[in-house]
Amino acid sequence: MRILLDTHILLWALSNDAKLPEKARELIANEENEIYYSVISLLEVEIKHLAHPDIMPVSTEEISGYCEQSGYKQITIKENHIFTMKELKCEKNTPPHKNPFDWMLICQANAEKMVFITHVL
């Protein structure tokens, strides 16, 4: 299975944080699965790191290095990921999700036929 990690899941997996859901931990640890992280997550981390280094103390260079050490594969952004955005739909009576980073991650996973793992499993 090809799995794309949400930014929070990526950070929790790299730091072995207790917040990482057990189901996510199992999927990531399964050697039959290919684990991916997005350049979008690096952008999100860098913006948060520059704005609030006390809250986000790691840089994108560090995250990228940890991903490489962990054997995670990087996915870049492609036009078809952007084009997929128009297909996103919210369930009726669901408040709109305002994080454009999440939108792009979901679009990447959909376009690349990947399973997207977020903190809401």
PDB file of N, CA and C in Angstrom:
ATOM      1  N   MET A   1       0.834  -1.162   0.000  1.00  0.00           N
ATOM      2  CA  MET A   1       0.000   0.000   0.000  1.00  0.00           C
ATOM      3  C   MET A   1       0.896   1.248   0.000  1.00  0.00           C
ATOM      4  N   ARG A   2       0.506   2.230  -0.790  1.00  0.00           N
ATOM      5  CA  ARG A   2       1.234   3.503  -0.827  1.00  0.00           C
ATOM      6  C   ARG A   2       0.500   4.484   0.077  1.00  0.00           C
ATOM      7  N   ILE A   3       1.219   5.040   1.040  1.00  0.00           N
ATOM      8  CA  ILE A   3       0.620   5.877   2.073  1.00  0.00           C
ATOM      9  C   ILE A   3       1.264   7.256   2.072  1.00  0.00           C
ATOM     10  N   LEU A   4       0.412   8.284   2.065  1.00  0.00           N
ATOM     11  CA  LEU A   4       0.877   9.661   2.208  1.00  0.00           C
ATOM     12  C   LEU A   4       0.529  10.135   3.612  1.00  0.00           C
ATOM     13  N   LEU A   5       1.524  10.655   4.311  1.00  0.00           N
ATOM     14  CA  LEU A   5       1.330  11.104   5.686  1.00  0.00           C
ATOM     15  C   LEU A   5       0.949  12.577   5.756  1.00  0.00           C
ATOM     16  N   ASP A   6      -0.063  12.873   6.552  1.00  0.00           N
ATOM     17  CA  ASP A   6      -0.393  14.249   6.888  1.00  0.00           C
ATOM     18  C   ASP A   6       0.792  14.827   7.674  1.00  0.00           C
ATOM     19  N   THR A   7       0.917  16.118   7.681  1.00  0.00           N
ATOM     20  CA  THR A   7       2.069  16.763   8.333  1.00  0.00           C
ATOM     21  C   THR A   7       2.178  16.384   9.803  1.00  0.00           C
ATOM     22  N   HIS A   8       1.061  16.421  10.536  1.00  0.00           N
ATOM     23  CA  HIS A   8       1.112  16.050  11.960  1.00  0.00           C
ATOM     24  C   HIS A   8       1.553  14.599  12.139  1.00  0.00           C
ATOM     25  N   ILE A   9       1.002  13.729  11.326  1.00  0.00           N
ATOM     26  CA  ILE A   9       1.368  12.312  11.425  1.00  0.00           C
ATOM     27  C   ILE A   9       2.853  12.138  11.119  1.00  0.00           C
ATOM     28  N   LEU A  10       3.339  12.835  10.108  1.00  0.00           N
ATOM     29  CA  LEU A  10       4.754  12.773   9.760  1.00  0.00           C
ATOM     30  C   LEU A  10       5.624  13.190  10.945  1.00  0.00           C
ATOM     31  N   LEU A  11       5.304  14.325  11.542  1.00  0.00           N
ATOM     32  CA  LEU A  11       6.090  14.821  12.673  1.00  0.00           C
ATOM     33  C   LEU A  11       6.021  13.870  13.859  1.00  0.00           C
ATOM     34  N   TRP A  12       4.831  13.360  14.144  1.00  0.00           N
ATOM     35  CA  TRP A  12       4.680  12.423  15.263  1.00  0.00           C
ATOM     36  C   TRP A  12       5.420  11.121  15.001  1.00  0.00           C
ATOM     37  N   ALA A  13       5.400  10.647  13.751  1.00  0.00           N
ATOM     38  CA  ALA A  13       6.099   9.402  13.421  1.00  0.00           C
ATOM     39  C   ALA A  13       7.602   9.584  13.550  1.00  0.00           C
ATOM     40  N   LEU A  14       8.109  10.703  13.048  1.00  0.00           N
ATOM     41  CA  LEU A  14       9.553  10.945  13.105  1.00  0.00           C
ATOM     42  C   LEU A  14      10.060  11.091  14.534  1.00  0.00           C
ATOM     43  N   SER A  15       9.227  11.665  15.395  1.00  0.00           N
ATOM     44  CA  SER A  15       9.647  11.894  16.786  1.00  0.00           C
ATOM     45  C   SER A  15       9.167  10.798  17.737  1.00  0.00           C
ATOM     46  N   ASN A  16       8.487   9.776  17.184  1.00  0.00           N
ATOM     47  CA  ASN A  16       7.927   8.690  17.994  1.00  0.00           C
ATOM     48  C   ASN A  16       7.042   9.241  19.114  1.00  0.00           C
ATOM     49  N   ASP A  17       6.254  10.240  18.771  1.00  0.00           N
ATOM     50  CA  ASP A  17       5.371  10.910  19.719  1.00  0.00           C
ATOM     51  C   ASP A  17       4.215   9.995  20.115  1.00  0.00           C
ATOM     52  N   ALA A  18       3.838  10.051  21.379  1.00  0.00           N
ATOM     53  CA  ALA A  18       2.724   9.248  21.878  1.00  0.00           C
ATOM     54  C   ALA A  18       1.398   9.641  21.226  1.00  0.00           C
ATOM     55  N   LYS A  19       1.326  10.831  20.612  1.00  0.00           N
ATOM     56  CA  LYS A  19       0.096  11.269  19.944  1.00  0.00           C
ATOM     57  C   LYS A  19      -0.176  10.497  18.654  1.00  0.00           C
ATOM     58  N   LEU A  20       0.830   9.816  18.134  1.00  0.00           N
ATOM     59  CA  LEU A  20       0.652   9.048  16.901  1.00  0.00           C
ATOM     60  C   LEU A  20      -0.326   7.913  17.167  1.00  0.00           C
ATOM     61  N   PRO A  21      -1.473   7.907  16.474  1.00  0.00           N
ATOM     62  CA  PRO A  21      -2.452   6.836  16.695  1.00  0.00           C
ATOM     63  C   PRO A  21      -1.852   5.458  16.417  1.00  0.00           C
ATOM     64  N   GLU A  22      -2.275   4.486  17.196  1.00  0.00           N
ATOM     65  CA  GLU A  22      -1.737   3.132  17.068  1.00  0.00           C
ATOM     66  C   GLU A  22      -1.941   2.567  15.663  1.00  0.00           C
ATOM     67  N   LYS A  23      -3.096   2.819  15.067  1.00  0.00           N
ATOM     68  CA  LYS A  23      -3.359   2.323  13.714  1.00  0.00           C
ATOM     69  C   LYS A  23      -2.363   2.919  12.719  1.00  0.00           C
ATOM     70  N   ALA A  24      -2.081   4.215  12.852  1.00  0.00           N
ATOM     71  CA  ALA A  24      -1.097   4.866  11.980  1.00  0.00           C
ATOM     72  C   ALA A  24       0.283   4.278  12.210  1.00  0.00           C
ATOM     73  N   ARG A  25       0.620   4.066  13.463  1.00  0.00           N
ATOM     74  CA  ARG A  25       1.931   3.487  13.815  1.00  0.00           C
ATOM     75  C   ARG A  25       2.110   2.123  13.153  1.00  0.00           C
ATOM     76  N   GLU A  26       1.047   1.307  13.186  1.00  0.00           N
ATOM     77  CA  GLU A  26       1.110  -0.026  12.586  1.00  0.00           C
ATOM     78  C   GLU A  26       1.272   0.047  11.073  1.00  0.00           C
ATOM     79  N   LEU A  27       0.530   0.935  10.434  1.00  0.00           N
ATOM     80  CA  LEU A  27       0.623   1.075   8.979  1.00  0.00           C
ATOM     81  C   LEU A  27       2.006   1.556   8.555  1.00  0.00           C
ATOM     82  N   ILE A  28       2.557   2.488   9.300  1.00  0.00           N
ATOM     83  CA  ILE A  28       3.881   3.028   8.981  1.00  0.00           C
ATOM     84  C   ILE A  28       4.967   1.978   9.205  1.00  0.00           C
ATOM     85  N   ALA A  29       4.816   1.183  10.250  1.00  0.00           N
ATOM     86  CA  ALA A  29       5.822   0.167  10.578  1.00  0.00           C
ATOM     87  C   ALA A  29       5.768  -1.037   9.644  1.00  0.00           C
ATOM     88  N   ASN A  30       4.652  -1.243   8.965  1.00  0.00           N
ATOM     89  CA  ASN A  30       4.501  -2.394   8.071  1.00  0.00           C
ATOM     90  C   ASN A  30       5.422  -2.217   6.859  1.00  0.00           C
ATOM     91  N   GLU A  31       6.403  -3.093   6.748  1.00  0.00           N
ATOM     92  CA  GLU A  31       7.406  -2.976   5.687  1.00  0.00           C
ATOM     93  C   GLU A  31       6.842  -3.195   4.289  1.00  0.00           C
ATOM     94  N   GLU A  32       5.639  -3.728   4.191  1.00  0.00           N
ATOM     95  CA  GLU A  32       5.009  -3.908   2.882  1.00  0.00           C
ATOM     96  C   GLU A  32       4.464  -2.583   2.340  1.00  0.00           C
ATOM     97  N   ASN A  33       4.315  -1.592   3.205  1.00  0.00           N
ATOM     98  CA  ASN A  33       3.788  -0.287   2.800  1.00  0.00           C
ATOM     99  C   ASN A  33       4.909   0.653   2.391  1.00  0.00           C
ATOM    100  N   GLU A  34       4.635   1.458   1.371  1.00  0.00           N
ATOM    101  CA  GLU A  34       5.548   2.529   0.969  1.00  0.00           C
ATOM    102  C   GLU A  34       5.047   3.802   1.625  1.00  0.00           C
ATOM    103  N   ILE A  35       5.917   4.461   2.383  1.00  0.00           N
ATOM    104  CA  ILE A  35       5.532   5.654   3.126  1.00  0.00           C
ATOM    105  C   ILE A  35       6.069   6.886   2.412  1.00  0.00           C
ATOM    106  N   TYR A  36       5.162   7.837   2.167  1.00  0.00           N
ATOM    107  CA  TYR A  36       5.490   9.073   1.470  1.00  0.00           C
ATOM    108  C   TYR A  36       5.197  10.281   2.355  1.00  0.00           C
ATOM    109  N   TYR A  37       5.983  11.319   2.137  1.00  0.00           N
ATOM    110  CA  TYR A  37       5.698  12.635   2.706  1.00  0.00           C
ATOM    111  C   TYR A  37       5.743  13.613   1.548  1.00  0.00           C
ATOM    112  N   SER A  38       5.046  14.714   1.715  1.00  0.00           N
ATOM    113  CA  SER A  38       4.929  15.680   0.627  1.00  0.00           C
ATOM    114  C   SER A  38       5.818  16.895   0.850  1.00  0.00           C
ATOM    115  N   VAL A  39       6.272  17.448  -0.253  1.00  0.00           N
ATOM    116  CA  VAL A  39       6.973  18.724  -0.208  1.00  0.00           C
ATOM    117  C   VAL A  39       6.048  19.796   0.389  1.00  0.00           C
ATOM    118  N   ILE A  40       4.728  19.595   0.274  1.00  0.00           N
ATOM    119  CA  ILE A  40       3.750  20.501   0.885  1.00  0.00           C
ATOM    120  C   ILE A  40       3.930  20.508   2.407  1.00  0.00           C
ATOM    121  N   SER A  41       4.191  19.349   2.991  1.00  0.00           N
ATOM    122  CA  SER A  41       4.428  19.283   4.440  1.00  0.00           C
ATOM    123  C   SER A  41       5.690  20.057   4.819  1.00  0.00           C
ATOM    124  N   LEU A  42       6.710  19.970   3.961  1.00  0.00           N
ATOM    125  CA  LEU A  42       7.929  20.744   4.235  1.00  0.00           C
ATOM    126  C   LEU A  42       7.636  22.241   4.214  1.00  0.00           C
ATOM    127  N   LEU A  43       6.829  22.674   3.261  1.00  0.00           N
ATOM    128  CA  LEU A  43       6.443  24.081   3.183  1.00  0.00           C
ATOM    129  C   LEU A  43       5.681  24.499   4.443  1.00  0.00           C
ATOM    130  N   GLU A  44       4.745  23.667   4.863  1.00  0.00           N
ATOM    131  CA  GLU A  44       3.967  23.971   6.062  1.00  0.00           C
ATOM    132  C   GLU A  44       4.868  24.071   7.296  1.00  0.00           C
ATOM    133  N   VAL A  45       5.788  23.135   7.444  1.00  0.00           N
ATOM    134  CA  VAL A  45       6.715  23.145   8.578  1.00  0.00           C
ATOM    135  C   VAL A  45       7.591  24.396   8.540  1.00  0.00           C
ATOM    136  N   GLU A  46       8.107  24.736   7.368  1.00  0.00           N
ATOM    137  CA  GLU A  46       8.999  25.902   7.278  1.00  0.00           C
ATOM    138  C   GLU A  46       8.275  27.199   7.623  1.00  0.00           C
ATOM    139  N   ILE A  47       7.059  27.355   7.136  1.00  0.00           N
ATOM    140  CA  ILE A  47       6.282  28.557   7.455  1.00  0.00           C
ATOM    141  C   ILE A  47       6.053  28.638   8.959  1.00  0.00           C
ATOM    142  N   LYS A  48       5.675  27.531   9.573  1.00  0.00           N
ATOM    143  CA  LYS A  48       5.439  27.521  11.027  1.00  0.00           C
ATOM    144  C   LYS A  48       6.746  27.716  11.798  1.00  0.00           C
ATOM    145  N   HIS A  49       7.834  27.140  11.297  1.00  0.00           N
ATOM    146  CA  HIS A  49       9.137  27.287  11.947  1.00  0.00           C
ATOM    147  C   HIS A  49       9.601  28.751  11.923  1.00  0.00           C
ATOM    148  N   LEU A  50       9.433  29.416  10.784  1.00  0.00           N
ATOM    149  CA  LEU A  50       9.845  30.818  10.677  1.00  0.00           C
ATOM    150  C   LEU A  50       8.970  31.734  11.518  1.00  0.00           C
ATOM    151  N   ALA A  51       7.674  31.437  11.577  1.00  0.00           N
ATOM    152  CA  ALA A  51       6.742  32.281  12.329  1.00  0.00           C
ATOM    153  C   ALA A  51       6.819  32.031  13.834  1.00  0.00           C
ATOM    154  N   HIS A  52       7.013  30.779  14.221  1.00  0.00           N
ATOM    155  CA  HIS A  52       6.988  30.412  15.648  1.00  0.00           C
ATOM    156  C   HIS A  52       8.050  29.353  15.957  1.00  0.00           C
ATOM    157  N   PRO A  53       9.325  29.727  15.940  1.00  0.00           N
ATOM    158  CA  PRO A  53      10.372  28.723  16.176  1.00  0.00           C
ATOM    159  C   PRO A  53      10.278  28.068  17.558  1.00  0.00           C
ATOM    160  N   ASP A  54       9.616  28.735  18.498  1.00  0.00           N
ATOM    161  CA  ASP A  54       9.440  28.138  19.821  1.00  0.00           C
ATOM    162  C   ASP A  54       8.432  26.991  19.796  1.00  0.00           C
ATOM    163  N   ILE A  55       7.459  27.067  18.898  1.00  0.00           N
ATOM    164  CA  ILE A  55       6.437  26.027  18.765  1.00  0.00           C
ATOM    165  C   ILE A  55       6.874  24.961  17.763  1.00  0.00           C
ATOM    166  N   MET A  56       7.525  25.385  16.690  1.00  0.00           N
ATOM    167  CA  MET A  56       8.016  24.459  15.656  1.00  0.00           C
ATOM    168  C   MET A  56       9.542  24.602  15.608  1.00  0.00           C
ATOM    169  N   PRO A  57      10.254  23.912  16.507  1.00  0.00           N
ATOM    170  CA  PRO A  57      11.699  24.120  16.620  1.00  0.00           C
ATOM    171  C   PRO A  57      12.548  23.459  15.541  1.00  0.00           C
ATOM    172  N   VAL A  58      11.967  22.571  14.734  1.00  0.00           N
ATOM    173  CA  VAL A  58      12.761  21.897  13.703  1.00  0.00           C
ATOM    174  C   VAL A  58      12.591  22.589  12.358  1.00  0.00           C
ATOM    175  N   SER A  59      13.656  22.570  11.582  1.00  0.00           N
ATOM    176  CA  SER A  59      13.630  23.182  10.249  1.00  0.00           C
ATOM    177  C   SER A  59      13.282  22.130   9.203  1.00  0.00           C
ATOM    178  N   THR A  60      13.009  22.598   8.005  1.00  0.00           N
ATOM    179  CA  THR A  60      12.700  21.660   6.923  1.00  0.00           C
ATOM    180  C   THR A  60      13.910  20.805   6.564  1.00  0.00           C
ATOM    181  N   GLU A  61      15.090  21.371   6.688  1.00  0.00           N
ATOM    182  CA  GLU A  61      16.290  20.573   6.405  1.00  0.00           C
ATOM    183  C   GLU A  61      16.377  19.385   7.358  1.00  0.00           C
ATOM    184  N   GLU A  62      16.084  19.631   8.632  1.00  0.00           N
ATOM    185  CA  GLU A  62      16.114  18.549   9.617  1.00  0.00           C
ATOM    186  C   GLU A  62      15.036  17.510   9.317  1.00  0.00           C
ATOM    187  N   ILE A  63      13.819  17.984   9.046  1.00  0.00           N
ATOM    188  CA  ILE A  63      12.710  17.072   8.740  1.00  0.00           C
ATOM    189  C   ILE A  63      13.046  16.228   7.510  1.00  0.00           C
ATOM    190  N   SER A  64      13.549  16.863   6.471  1.00  0.00           N
ATOM    191  CA  SER A  64      13.905  16.153   5.253  1.00  0.00           C
ATOM    192  C   SER A  64      14.950  15.074   5.538  1.00  0.00           C
ATOM    193  N   GLY A  65      15.938  15.403   6.336  1.00  0.00           N
ATOM    194  CA  GLY A  65      16.973  14.429   6.716  1.00  0.00           C
ATOM    195  C   GLY A  65      16.402  13.265   7.505  1.00  0.00           C
ATOM    196  N   TYR A  66      15.503  13.561   8.446  1.00  0.00           N
ATOM    197  CA  TYR A  66      14.875  12.500   9.238  1.00  0.00           C
ATOM    198  C   TYR A  66      14.022  11.592   8.341  1.00  0.00           C
ATOM    199  N   CYS A  67      13.338  12.192   7.369  1.00  0.00           N
ATOM    200  CA  CYS A  67      12.526  11.403   6.435  1.00  0.00           C
ATOM    201  C   CYS A  67      13.407  10.453   5.633  1.00  0.00           C
ATOM    202  N   GLU A  68      14.525  10.961   5.169  1.00  0.00           N
ATOM    203  CA  GLU A  68      15.464  10.135   4.400  1.00  0.00           C
ATOM    204  C   GLU A  68      15.982   8.982   5.253  1.00  0.00           C
ATOM    205  N   GLN A  69      16.363   9.297   6.509  1.00  0.00           N
ATOM    206  CA  GLN A  69      16.856   8.255   7.414  1.00  0.00           C
ATOM    207  C   GLN A  69      15.793   7.192   7.680  1.00  0.00           C
ATOM    208  N   SER A  70      14.529   7.614   7.696  1.00  0.00           N
ATOM    209  CA  SER A  70      13.427   6.693   7.984  1.00  0.00           C
ATOM    210  C   SER A  70      12.992   5.907   6.754  1.00  0.00           C
ATOM    211  N   GLY A  71      13.539   6.252   5.594  1.00  0.00           N
ATOM    212  CA  GLY A  71      13.175   5.548   4.369  1.00  0.00           C
ATOM    213  C   GLY A  71      11.891   6.041   3.733  1.00  0.00           C
ATOM    214  N   TYR A  72      11.400   7.189   4.165  1.00  0.00           N
ATOM    215  CA  TYR A  72      10.187   7.757   3.572  1.00  0.00           C
ATOM    216  C   TYR A  72      10.536   8.368   2.225  1.00  0.00           C
ATOM    217  N   LYS A  73       9.604   8.279   1.305  1.00  0.00           N
ATOM    218  CA  LYS A  73       9.811   8.817  -0.036  1.00  0.00           C
ATOM    219  C   LYS A  73       9.095  10.160  -0.160  1.00  0.00           C
ATOM    220  N   GLN A  74       9.700  11.061  -0.914  1.00  0.00           N
ATOM    221  CA  GLN A  74       9.107  12.384  -1.099  1.00  0.00           C
ATOM    222  C   GLN A  74       8.249  12.437  -2.354  1.00  0.00           C
ATOM    223  N   ILE A  75       7.117  13.109  -2.254  1.00  0.00           N
ATOM    224  CA  ILE A  75       6.286  13.375  -3.411  1.00  0.00           C
ATOM    225  C   ILE A  75       6.259  14.889  -3.613  1.00  0.00           C
ATOM    226  N   THR A  76       6.502  15.300  -4.842  1.00  0.00           N
ATOM    227  CA  THR A  76       6.472  16.719  -5.165  1.00  0.00           C
ATOM    228  C   THR A  76       5.076  17.093  -5.644  1.00  0.00           C
ATOM    229  N   ILE A  77       4.850  18.371  -5.835  1.00  0.00           N
ATOM    230  CA  ILE A  77       3.541  18.828  -6.307  1.00  0.00           C
ATOM    231  C   ILE A  77       3.538  18.871  -7.830  1.00  0.00           C
ATOM    232  N   LYS A  78       2.453  18.390  -8.401  1.00  0.00           N
ATOM    233  CA  LYS A  78       2.293  18.351  -9.854  1.00  0.00           C
ATOM    234  C   LYS A  78       1.009  19.076 -10.229  1.00  0.00           C
ATOM    235  N   GLU A  79       0.918  19.452 -11.492  1.00  0.00           N
ATOM    236  CA  GLU A  79      -0.285  20.141 -11.967  1.00  0.00           C
ATOM    237  C   GLU A  79      -1.557  19.356 -11.666  1.00  0.00           C
ATOM    238  N   ASN A  80      -1.531  18.053 -11.921  1.00  0.00           N
ATOM    239  CA  ASN A  80      -2.758  17.281 -11.727  1.00  0.00           C
ATOM    240  C   ASN A  80      -3.195  17.257 -10.264  1.00  0.00           C
ATOM    241  N   HIS A  81      -2.271  17.474  -9.328  1.00  0.00           N
ATOM    242  CA  HIS A  81      -2.657  17.578  -7.919  1.00  0.00           C
ATOM    243  C   HIS A  81      -3.502  18.838  -7.717  1.00  0.00           C
ATOM    244  N   ILE A  82      -3.093  19.911  -8.353  1.00  0.00           N
ATOM    245  CA  ILE A  82      -3.834  21.176  -8.263  1.00  0.00           C
ATOM    246  C   ILE A  82      -5.185  21.042  -8.945  1.00  0.00           C
ATOM    247  N   PHE A  83      -5.207  20.411 -10.112  1.00  0.00           N
ATOM    248  CA  PHE A  83      -6.455  20.240 -10.858  1.00  0.00           C
ATOM    249  C   PHE A  83      -7.462  19.403 -10.070  1.00  0.00           C
ATOM    250  N   THR A  84      -6.969  18.488  -9.246  1.00  0.00           N
ATOM    251  CA  THR A  84      -7.834  17.620  -8.439  1.00  0.00           C
ATOM    252  C   THR A  84      -8.587  18.398  -7.366  1.00  0.00           C
ATOM    253  N   MET A  85      -8.103  19.588  -7.029  1.00  0.00           N
ATOM    254  CA  MET A  85      -8.705  20.375  -5.956  1.00  0.00           C
ATOM    255  C   MET A  85     -10.191  20.653  -6.210  1.00  0.00           C
ATOM    256  N   LYS A  86     -10.565  20.832  -7.480  1.00  0.00           N
ATOM    257  CA  LYS A  86     -11.972  21.141  -7.782  1.00  0.00           C
ATOM    258  C   LYS A  86     -12.897  19.971  -7.458  1.00  0.00           C
ATOM    259  N   GLU A  87     -12.332  18.783  -7.260  1.00  0.00           N
ATOM    260  CA  GLU A  87     -13.130  17.603  -6.937  1.00  0.00           C
ATOM    261  C   GLU A  87     -13.395  17.443  -5.442  1.00  0.00           C
ATOM    262  N   LEU A  88     -12.724  18.238  -4.610  1.00  0.00           N
ATOM    263  CA  LEU A  88     -12.929  18.139  -3.165  1.00  0.00           C
ATOM    264  C   LEU A  88     -14.327  18.621  -2.804  1.00  0.00           C
ATOM    265  N   LYS A  89     -14.978  17.847  -1.979  1.00  0.00           N
ATOM    266  CA  LYS A  89     -16.325  18.207  -1.547  1.00  0.00           C
ATOM    267  C   LYS A  89     -16.443  17.984  -0.050  1.00  0.00           C
ATOM    268  N   CYS A  90     -17.174  18.860   0.608  1.00  0.00           N
ATOM    269  CA  CYS A  90     -17.462  18.695   2.029  1.00  0.00           C
ATOM    270  C   CYS A  90     -18.802  17.989   2.182  1.00  0.00           C
ATOM    271  N   GLU A  91     -18.911  17.192   3.212  1.00  0.00           N
ATOM    272  CA  GLU A  91     -20.194  16.581   3.526  1.00  0.00           C
ATOM    273  C   GLU A  91     -21.170  17.685   3.929  1.00  0.00           C
ATOM    274  N   LYS A  92     -22.442  17.444   3.691  1.00  0.00           N
ATOM    275  CA  LYS A  92     -23.477  18.413   4.050  1.00  0.00           C
ATOM    276  C   LYS A  92     -23.409  18.694   5.550  1.00  0.00           C
ATOM    277  N   ASN A  93     -23.572  19.944   5.914  1.00  0.00           N
ATOM    278  CA  ASN A  93     -23.545  20.415   7.305  1.00  0.00           C
ATOM    279  C   ASN A  93     -22.174  20.292   7.967  1.00  0.00           C
ATOM    280  N   THR A  94     -21.128  20.137   7.160  1.00  0.00           N
ATOM    281  CA  THR A  94     -19.768  20.093   7.681  1.00  0.00           C
ATOM    282  C   THR A  94     -19.144  21.469   7.481  1.00  0.00           C
ATOM    283  N   PRO A  95     -18.545  22.028   8.533  1.00  0.00           N
ATOM    284  CA  PRO A  95     -17.903  23.334   8.345  1.00  0.00           C
ATOM    285  C   PRO A  95     -16.743  23.217   7.372  1.00  0.00           C
ATOM    286  N   PRO A  96     -16.502  24.252   6.577  1.00  0.00           N
ATOM    287  CA  PRO A  96     -15.406  24.189   5.610  1.00  0.00           C
ATOM    288  C   PRO A  96     -14.051  24.085   6.305  1.00  0.00           C
ATOM    289  N   HIS A  97     -13.188  23.287   5.732  1.00  0.00           N
ATOM    290  CA  HIS A  97     -11.835  23.123   6.255  1.00  0.00           C
ATOM    291  C   HIS A  97     -10.985  24.245   5.672  1.00  0.00           C
ATOM    292  N   LYS A  98     -10.283  24.972   6.520  1.00  0.00           N
ATOM    293  CA  LYS A  98      -9.609  26.187   6.065  1.00  0.00           C
ATOM    294  C   LYS A  98      -8.110  26.035   5.836  1.00  0.00           C
ATOM    295  N   ASN A  99      -7.566  24.843   5.992  1.00  0.00           N
ATOM    296  CA  ASN A  99      -6.125  24.660   5.844  1.00  0.00           C
ATOM    297  C   ASN A  99      -5.787  24.239   4.409  1.00  0.00           C
ATOM    298  N   PRO A 100      -5.232  25.152   3.601  1.00  0.00           N
ATOM    299  CA  PRO A 100      -4.915  24.801   2.207  1.00  0.00           C
ATOM    300  C   PRO A 100      -3.821  23.740   2.095  1.00  0.00           C
ATOM    301  N   PHE A 101      -2.979  23.588   3.094  1.00  0.00           N
ATOM    302  CA  PHE A 101      -1.969  22.534   3.068  1.00  0.00           C
ATOM    303  C   PHE A 101      -2.668  21.169   3.073  1.00  0.00           C
ATOM    304  N   ASP A 102      -3.675  21.035   3.927  1.00  0.00           N
ATOM    305  CA  ASP A 102      -4.427  19.783   3.973  1.00  0.00           C
ATOM    306  C   ASP A 102      -5.140  19.524   2.656  1.00  0.00           C
ATOM    307  N   TRP A 103      -5.698  20.555   2.049  1.00  0.00           N
ATOM    308  CA  TRP A 103      -6.363  20.397   0.755  1.00  0.00           C
ATOM    309  C   TRP A 103      -5.408  19.773  -0.249  1.00  0.00           C
ATOM    310  N   MET A 104      -4.201  20.327  -0.315  1.00  0.00           N
ATOM    311  CA  MET A 104      -3.240  19.831  -1.304  1.00  0.00           C
ATOM    312  C   MET A 104      -2.785  18.407  -0.992  1.00  0.00           C
ATOM    313  N   LEU A 105      -2.599  18.107   0.277  1.00  0.00           N
ATOM    314  CA  LEU A 105      -2.195  16.747   0.642  1.00  0.00           C
ATOM    315  C   LEU A 105      -3.278  15.738   0.242  1.00  0.00           C
ATOM    316  N   ILE A 106      -4.522  16.084   0.500  1.00  0.00           N
ATOM    317  CA  ILE A 106      -5.635  15.206   0.113  1.00  0.00           C
ATOM    318  C   ILE A 106      -5.677  15.049  -1.405  1.00  0.00           C
ATOM    319  N   CYS A 107      -5.484  16.154  -2.123  1.00  0.00           N
ATOM    320  CA  CYS A 107      -5.478  16.093  -3.591  1.00  0.00           C
ATOM    321  C   CYS A 107      -4.334  15.234  -4.106  1.00  0.00           C
ATOM    322  N   GLN A 108      -3.169  15.366  -3.511  1.00  0.00           N
ATOM    323  CA  GLN A 108      -2.039  14.534  -3.922  1.00  0.00           C
ATOM    324  C   GLN A 108      -2.352  13.059  -3.706  1.00  0.00           C
ATOM    325  N   ALA A 109      -2.876  12.737  -2.537  1.00  0.00           N
ATOM    326  CA  ALA A 109      -3.205  11.340  -2.248  1.00  0.00           C
ATOM    327  C   ALA A 109      -4.245  10.816  -3.231  1.00  0.00           C
ATOM    328  N   ASN A 110      -5.267  11.604  -3.499  1.00  0.00           N
ATOM    329  CA  ASN A 110      -6.304  11.178  -4.442  1.00  0.00           C
ATOM    330  C   ASN A 110      -5.736  10.979  -5.844  1.00  0.00           C
ATOM    331  N   ALA A 111      -4.978  11.954  -6.314  1.00  0.00           N
ATOM    332  CA  ALA A 111      -4.431  11.892  -7.678  1.00  0.00           C
ATOM    333  C   ALA A 111      -3.448  10.742  -7.857  1.00  0.00           C
ATOM    334  N   GLU A 112      -2.714  10.420  -6.813  1.00  0.00           N
ATOM    335  CA  GLU A 112      -1.691   9.371  -6.891  1.00  0.00           C
ATOM    336  C   GLU A 112      -2.190   8.015  -6.384  1.00  0.00           C
ATOM    337  N   LYS A 113      -3.486   7.930  -6.085  1.00  0.00           N
ATOM    338  CA  LYS A 113      -4.089   6.671  -5.599  1.00  0.00           C
ATOM    339  C   LYS A 113      -3.372   6.165  -4.345  1.00  0.00           C
ATOM    340  N   MET A 114      -3.175   7.087  -3.399  1.00  0.00           N
ATOM    341  CA  MET A 114      -2.531   6.748  -2.140  1.00  0.00           C
ATOM    342  C   MET A 114      -3.559   6.796  -1.014  1.00  0.00           C
ATOM    343  N   VAL A 115      -3.258   6.105   0.056  1.00  0.00           N
ATOM    344  CA  VAL A 115      -4.032   6.211   1.286  1.00  0.00           C
ATOM    345  C   VAL A 115      -3.468   7.408   2.039  1.00  0.00           C
ATOM    346  N   PHE A 116      -4.346   8.302   2.474  1.00  0.00           N
ATOM    347  CA  PHE A 116      -3.921   9.494   3.219  1.00  0.00           C
ATOM    348  C   PHE A 116      -4.159   9.237   4.703  1.00  0.00           C
ATOM    349  N   ILE A 117      -3.103   9.330   5.488  1.00  0.00           N
ATOM    350  CA  ILE A 117      -3.234   9.131   6.931  1.00  0.00           C
ATOM    351  C   ILE A 117      -3.142  10.476   7.629  1.00  0.00           C
ATOM    352  N   THR A 118      -4.209  10.799   8.351  1.00  0.00           N
ATOM    353  CA  THR A 118      -4.263  12.012   9.138  1.00  0.00           C
ATOM    354  C   THR A 118      -4.602  11.627  10.575  1.00  0.00           C
ATOM    355  N   HIS A 119      -4.653  12.604  11.470  1.00  0.00           N
ATOM    356  CA  HIS A 119      -4.916  12.299  12.874  1.00  0.00           C
ATOM    357  C   HIS A 119      -6.355  11.885  13.122  1.00  0.00           C
ATOM    358  N   VAL A 120      -7.208  12.026  12.118  1.00  0.00           N
ATOM    359  CA  VAL A 120      -8.591  11.565  12.221  1.00  0.00           C
ATOM    360  C   VAL A 120      -8.707  10.310  11.386  1.00  0.00           C
ATOM    361  N   LEU A 121      -8.433   9.165  11.997  1.00  0.00           N
ATOM    362  CA  LEU A 121      -8.469   7.882  11.250  1.00  0.00           C
ATOM    363  C   LEU A 121      -9.850   7.281  11.268  1.00  0.00           C
TER     364      LEU A 121
END
